[in-house]
Amino acid sequence: MNKEKRASSKSSNSAIFNNGSKWLKMDLHLHTDSDKSFHYPGSNFIQDYVEELKKKSVNIAAITNHNQFDFDEYASLSEECKKENIWLLPG
């Protein structure tokens, strides 16, 4: 391959990966207020939960409640997480 083609190839590849790699912090085992084994003493569960994920720099989280999934709770949590660029997975 000649120098011109290599230079062209390098510049086009670097445009694809212009940010390089990015490390993401995940917590794939979380419980919510709907899980009987989890106790939340406060009154602003959704906001406090998302704030705690944010404080701990969690980018991706998964709810893994024991035999209990509350869709409304998940939808509320997910909506708040999106505002903070946190990806919440139902489990």
Protein backbone atom coordinates (compact mmCIF):
# COMPACT_ATOMS: atom_id res chain seq x y z
CA MET A 1 0.00 0.00 0.00
CA ASN A 2 1.44 3.37 -0.90
CA LYS A 3 1.88 6.24 1.59
CA GLU A 4 -1.08 8.19 0.25
CA LYS A 5 -3.50 5.27 0.70
CA ARG A 6 -2.18 4.55 4.21
CA ALA A 7 -2.62 8.19 5.24
CA SER A 8 -6.13 8.22 3.83
CA SER A 9 -6.94 4.95 5.58
CA LYS A 10 -5.63 6.23 8.92
CA SER A 11 -7.61 9.44 8.79
CA SER A 12 -10.87 7.69 7.90
CA ASN A 13 -10.43 5.11 10.69
CA SER A 14 -9.67 7.74 13.31
CA ALA A 15 -12.92 9.54 12.45
CA ILE A 16 -14.85 6.40 13.32
CA PHE A 17 -13.22 6.14 16.75
CA ASN A 18 -12.75 9.81 17.52
CA ASN A 19 -13.53 9.33 21.23
CA GLY A 20 -11.49 6.20 21.77
CA SER A 21 -12.65 3.76 24.40
CA LYS A 22 -14.85 4.71 27.31
CA TRP A 23 -15.06 2.90 30.62
CA LEU A 24 -18.54 2.50 32.06
CA LYS A 25 -19.36 1.63 35.63
CA MET A 26 -22.19 -0.88 36.05
CA ASP A 27 -24.15 -2.30 38.93
CA LEU A 28 -26.11 -5.28 37.69
CA HIS A 29 -27.62 -6.33 41.01
CA LEU A 30 -29.87 -3.66 42.49
CA HIS A 31 -33.10 -3.85 44.46
CA THR A 32 -35.86 -1.29 44.70
CA ASP A 33 -38.58 -0.33 47.12
CA SER A 34 -40.88 -2.96 45.56
CA ASP A 35 -38.62 -5.76 46.81
CA LYS A 36 -39.62 -6.91 50.28
CA SER A 37 -35.96 -7.56 51.19
CA PHE A 38 -35.08 -3.91 50.51
CA HIS A 39 -36.02 -1.22 53.00
CA TYR A 40 -36.02 2.47 52.09
CA PRO A 41 -36.65 4.76 55.08
CA GLY A 42 -37.06 8.04 53.16
CA SER A 43 -39.93 9.63 51.27
CA ASN A 44 -38.39 10.50 47.86
CA PHE A 45 -37.38 7.03 46.70
CA ILE A 46 -37.11 7.68 42.95
CA GLN A 47 -35.04 10.87 43.23
CA ASP A 48 -32.85 9.52 46.03
CA TYR A 49 -32.21 6.25 44.20
CA VAL A 50 -31.10 7.99 41.01
CA GLU A 51 -29.03 10.49 42.98
CA GLU A 52 -27.20 7.62 44.69
CA LEU A 53 -26.46 5.99 41.32
CA LYS A 54 -25.15 9.33 40.09
CA LYS A 55 -22.98 9.85 43.22
CA LYS A 56 -21.43 6.44 42.67
CA SER A 57 -20.85 7.20 38.97
CA VAL A 58 -22.96 4.25 37.82
CA ASN A 59 -23.64 4.44 34.07
CA ILE A 60 -25.63 1.22 33.68
CA ALA A 61 -27.82 -0.36 36.34
CA ALA A 62 -30.11 -3.38 36.49
CA ILE A 63 -33.01 -3.93 38.85
CA THR A 64 -32.93 -7.49 40.16
CA ASN A 65 -35.79 -7.64 42.63
CA HIS A 66 -36.67 -11.05 44.04
CA ASN A 67 -39.82 -12.37 42.34
CA GLN A 68 -41.24 -8.87 42.06
CA PHE A 69 -41.27 -6.40 39.20
CA ASP A 70 -43.22 -3.17 39.46
CA PHE A 71 -43.47 -1.71 35.96
CA ASP A 72 -44.64 1.71 37.18
CA GLU A 73 -41.71 1.96 39.56
CA TYR A 74 -39.32 0.89 36.78
CA ALA A 75 -40.81 3.45 34.36
CA SER A 76 -40.41 6.25 36.91
CA LEU A 77 -36.85 5.21 37.76
CA SER A 78 -35.96 4.83 34.09
CA GLU A 79 -37.30 8.29 33.25
CA GLU A 80 -35.22 9.89 36.02
CA CYS A 81 -32.15 7.85 35.08
CA LYS A 82 -32.35 9.04 31.47
CA LYS A 83 -32.11 12.63 32.70
CA GLU A 84 -28.76 11.71 34.27
CA ASN A 85 -27.54 9.61 31.31
CA ILE A 86 -27.87 6.38 33.29
CA TRP A 87 -29.10 3.32 31.44
CA LEU A 88 -31.50 1.31 33.63
CA LEU A 89 -32.26 -2.29 32.73
CA PRO A 90 -35.26 -4.24 33.98
CA GLY A 91 -34.29 -7.54 35.54
